C-alpha atoms as a PDB file:
ATOM      1  CA  MET A   1      -3.150  13.731 -17.081  1.00  0.00           C
ATOM      2  CA  GLN A   2      -4.737  16.538 -15.114  1.00  0.00           C
ATOM      3  CA  ILE A   3      -4.692  16.385 -11.469  1.00  0.00           C
ATOM      4  CA  PRO A   4      -7.738  17.955  -9.784  1.00  0.00           C
ATOM      5  CA  GLY A   5      -6.909  21.279  -7.875  1.00  0.00           C
ATOM      6  CA  LYS A   6      -8.455  19.804  -4.801  1.00  0.00           C
ATOM      7  CA  ILE A   7      -5.948  16.913  -4.722  1.00  0.00           C
ATOM      8  CA  VAL A   8      -3.042  19.244  -5.250  1.00  0.00           C
ATOM      9  CA  ARG A   9      -4.371  21.559  -2.352  1.00  0.00           C
ATOM     10  CA  LEU A  10      -4.700  18.513  -0.101  1.00  0.00           C
ATOM     11  CA  VAL A  11      -1.075  17.217  -0.774  1.00  0.00           C
ATOM     12  CA  ASN A  12       0.176  20.742  -0.114  1.00  0.00           C
ATOM     13  CA  MET A  13      -1.731  20.938   3.082  1.00  0.00           C
ATOM     14  CA  VAL A  14      -0.176  17.637   4.380  1.00  0.00           C
ATOM     15  CA  THR A  15       3.375  18.289   3.176  1.00  0.00           C
ATOM     16  CA  GLN A  16       3.734  21.961   4.384  1.00  0.00           C
ATOM     17  CA  HIS A  17       4.696  22.967   7.904  1.00  0.00           C
ATOM     18  CA  THR A  18       5.611  19.359   8.684  1.00  0.00           C
ATOM     19  CA  LYS A  19       7.574  18.511  11.964  1.00  0.00           C
ATOM     20  CA  ALA A  20       9.266  15.409  12.929  1.00  0.00           C
ATOM     21  CA  LYS A  21      11.060  13.808  15.990  1.00  0.00           C
ATOM     22  CA  MET A  22      13.510  11.049  15.909  1.00  0.00           C
ATOM     23  CA  LYS A  23      13.916   8.268  18.426  1.00  0.00           C
ATOM     24  CA  LEU A  24      17.407   7.657  19.779  1.00  0.00           C
ATOM     25  CA  ASN A  25      18.224   5.338  22.500  1.00  0.00           C
ATOM     26  CA  ASN A  26      14.502   5.141  23.496  1.00  0.00           C
ATOM     27  CA  GLU A  27      14.286   8.816  23.777  1.00  0.00           C
ATOM     28  CA  TYR A  28      12.750  11.391  21.458  1.00  0.00           C
ATOM     29  CA  THR A  29      14.912  14.301  19.978  1.00  0.00           C
ATOM     30  CA  GLU A  30      13.662  17.824  19.933  1.00  0.00           C
ATOM     31  CA  GLN A  31      11.040  18.607  17.219  1.00  0.00           C
ATOM     32  CA  ILE A  32      12.514  19.626  13.851  1.00  0.00           C
ATOM     33  CA  ASP A  33      10.956  21.210  10.737  1.00  0.00           C
ATOM     34  CA  VAL A  34      10.789  18.995   7.678  1.00  0.00           C
ATOM     35  CA  LYS A  35      11.755  21.582   4.915  1.00  0.00           C
ATOM     36  CA  THR A  36      11.626  19.471   1.840  1.00  0.00           C
ATOM     37  CA  GLY A  37       9.828  16.429   0.385  1.00  0.00           C
ATOM     38  CA  ILE A  38       7.781  13.870   2.221  1.00  0.00           C
ATOM     39  CA  ILE A  39       8.765  12.025   5.347  1.00  0.00           C
ATOM     40  CA  GLN A  40      10.372   8.684   4.488  1.00  0.00           C
ATOM     41  CA  GLY A  41       7.848   5.882   4.678  1.00  0.00           C
ATOM     42  CA  ASP A  42       4.886   8.150   4.265  1.00  0.00           C
ATOM     43  CA  PRO A  43       2.337   6.145   2.133  1.00  0.00           C
ATOM     44  CA  LEU A  44       1.746   9.289   0.019  1.00  0.00           C
ATOM     45  CA  SER A  45       5.197   9.186  -1.464  1.00  0.00           C
ATOM     46  CA  THR A  46       4.446   5.864  -3.376  1.00  0.00           C
ATOM     47  CA  ILE A  47       1.238   7.464  -4.723  1.00  0.00           C
ATOM     48  CA  LEU A  48       2.878  10.692  -5.763  1.00  0.00           C
ATOM     49  CA  PHE A  49       5.796   8.716  -7.418  1.00  0.00           C
ATOM     50  CA  SER A  50       3.451   6.539  -9.372  1.00  0.00           C
ATOM     51  CA  THR A  51       1.566   9.520 -10.531  1.00  0.00           C
ATOM     52  CA  VAL A  52       4.685  11.221 -11.650  1.00  0.00           C
ATOM     53  CA  MET A  53       5.945   8.135 -13.455  1.00  0.00           C
ATOM     54  CA  GLU A  54       2.640   7.652 -15.286  1.00  0.00           C
ATOM     55  CA  MET A  55       2.953  11.200 -16.642  1.00  0.00           C
ATOM     56  CA  LEU A  56       6.426  10.657 -17.721  1.00  0.00           C
ATOM     57  CA  MET A  57       5.633   7.410 -19.471  1.00  0.00           C
ATOM     58  CA  ARG A  58       2.816   9.113 -21.408  1.00  0.00           C
ATOM     59  CA  LYS A  59       5.279  11.832 -22.605  1.00  0.00           C
ATOM     60  CA  LEU A  60       7.587   9.203 -24.082  1.00  0.00           C
ATOM     61  CA  GLU A  61       4.901   8.282 -26.548  1.00  0.00           C
ATOM     62  CA  ILE A  62       5.121   4.556 -26.253  1.00  0.00           C
ATOM     63  CA  ARG A  63       2.422   3.413 -28.749  1.00  0.00           C
ATOM     64  CA  GLY A  64       1.556   0.243 -30.625  1.00  0.00           C
ATOM     65  CA  ASN A  65       1.916  -3.339 -29.327  1.00  0.00           C
ATOM     66  CA  ILE A  66       4.928  -5.385 -28.234  1.00  0.00           C
ATOM     67  CA  THR A  67       5.702  -6.572 -31.793  1.00  0.00           C
ATOM     68  CA  THR A  68       5.405  -3.083 -33.540  1.00  0.00           C
ATOM     69  CA  ARG A  69       6.828  -0.493 -31.274  1.00  0.00           C
ATOM     70  CA  LEU A  70      10.441   0.334 -30.951  1.00  0.00           C
ATOM     71  CA  LYS A  71      10.332   1.579 -27.349  1.00  0.00           C
ATOM     72  CA  GLN A  72       8.986  -0.376 -24.249  1.00  0.00           C
ATOM     73  CA  ALA A  73       8.900   0.581 -20.719  1.00  0.00           C
ATOM     74  CA  CYS A  74       8.532  -1.678 -17.724  1.00  0.00           C
ATOM     75  CA  ILE A  75       8.268   0.267 -14.403  1.00  0.00           C
ATOM     76  CA  TYR A  76       8.817  -1.280 -11.029  1.00  0.00           C
ATOM     77  CA  ALA A  77       9.239   0.990  -7.976  1.00  0.00           C
ATOM     78  CA  ASP A  78      11.935   3.501  -9.052  1.00  0.00           C
ATOM     79  CA  ASP A  79      13.470   1.129 -11.752  1.00  0.00           C
ATOM     80  CA  VAL A  80      12.644   1.814 -15.342  1.00  0.00           C
ATOM     81  CA  LEU A  81      13.786  -0.268 -18.278  1.00  0.00           C
ATOM     82  CA  VAL A  82      13.397   1.171 -21.791  1.00  0.00           C
ATOM     83  CA  THR A  83      14.471  -1.070 -24.598  1.00  0.00           C
ATOM     84  CA  ARG A  84      14.252  -2.379 -28.180  1.00  0.00           C
ATOM     85  CA  THR A  85      17.103  -0.959 -30.333  1.00  0.00           C
ATOM     86  CA  LYS A  86      20.184   0.812 -29.233  1.00  0.00           C
ATOM     87  CA  GLN A  87      19.230   4.060 -30.955  1.00  0.00           C
ATOM     88  CA  ALA A  88      15.714   3.941 -29.677  1.00  0.00           C
ATOM     89  CA  LEU A  89      17.099   3.377 -26.188  1.00  0.00           C
ATOM     90  CA  ILE A  90      19.419   6.319 -26.384  1.00  0.00           C
ATOM     91  CA  ASN A  91      16.857   8.736 -27.717  1.00  0.00           C
ATOM     92  CA  THR A  92      14.114   7.603 -25.214  1.00  0.00           C
ATOM     93  CA  PHE A  93      16.596   7.835 -22.347  1.00  0.00           C
ATOM     94  CA  LYS A  94      17.504  11.344 -23.307  1.00  0.00           C
ATOM     95  CA  LYS A  95      13.743  12.353 -23.425  1.00  0.00           C
ATOM     96  CA  LEU A  96      13.115  10.501 -20.064  1.00  0.00           C
ATOM     97  CA  MET A  97      15.942  12.511 -18.421  1.00  0.00           C
ATOM     98  CA  GLN A  98      14.633  15.876 -19.820  1.00  0.00           C
ATOM     99  CA  GLU A  99      10.942  15.117 -18.696  1.00  0.00           C
ATOM    100  CA  ALA A 100      12.152  13.723 -15.268  1.00  0.00           C
ATOM    101  CA  GLU A 101      13.984  16.902 -14.676  1.00  0.00           C
ATOM    102  CA  LYS A 102      10.730  18.929 -15.151  1.00  0.00           C
ATOM    103  CA  TYR A 103       9.281  17.063 -12.069  1.00  0.00           C
ATOM    104  CA  GLY A 104      12.308  17.502 -10.013  1.00  0.00           C
ATOM    105  CA  LEU A 105      13.446  13.784 -10.466  1.00  0.00           C
ATOM    106  CA  THR A 106      17.028  12.831 -11.323  1.00  0.00           C
ATOM    107  CA  ILE A 107      18.265   9.689 -12.839  1.00  0.00           C
ATOM    108  CA  SER A 108      21.239   8.179 -11.033  1.00  0.00           C
ATOM    109  CA  GLN A 109      23.892   7.467 -13.666  1.00  0.00           C
ATOM    110  CA  ASN A 110      25.778   5.383 -11.186  1.00  0.00           C
ATOM    111  CA  LYS A 111      22.927   2.949 -11.044  1.00  0.00           C
ATOM    112  CA  THR A 112      22.155   3.056 -14.703  1.00  0.00           C
ATOM    113  CA  LYS A 113      23.448   0.272 -17.079  1.00  0.00           C
END
């Protein structure tokens, strides 16, 4: 999946030099610089997350149909289920962790069963 350079530049433009204020007791705080990531609740975050998840799933090489493949993935929000056999689950999970790390994503082992 190739993301056009124009889209990358636009995302960079709206995520760099971002500032925010917080509202406490009906008053706004001083303006602060947002140094990393996207502001919580920004609609762009779901689009970017979905794009990255699409690229990750393609790298897992899930082919065939439901009756012939050893691996399956169902993605909902930030939950991913990969299943079929225990060994396929282990191998696919390891690859998912490696690929996710390349995109700056981590898998919470405390939330993983």
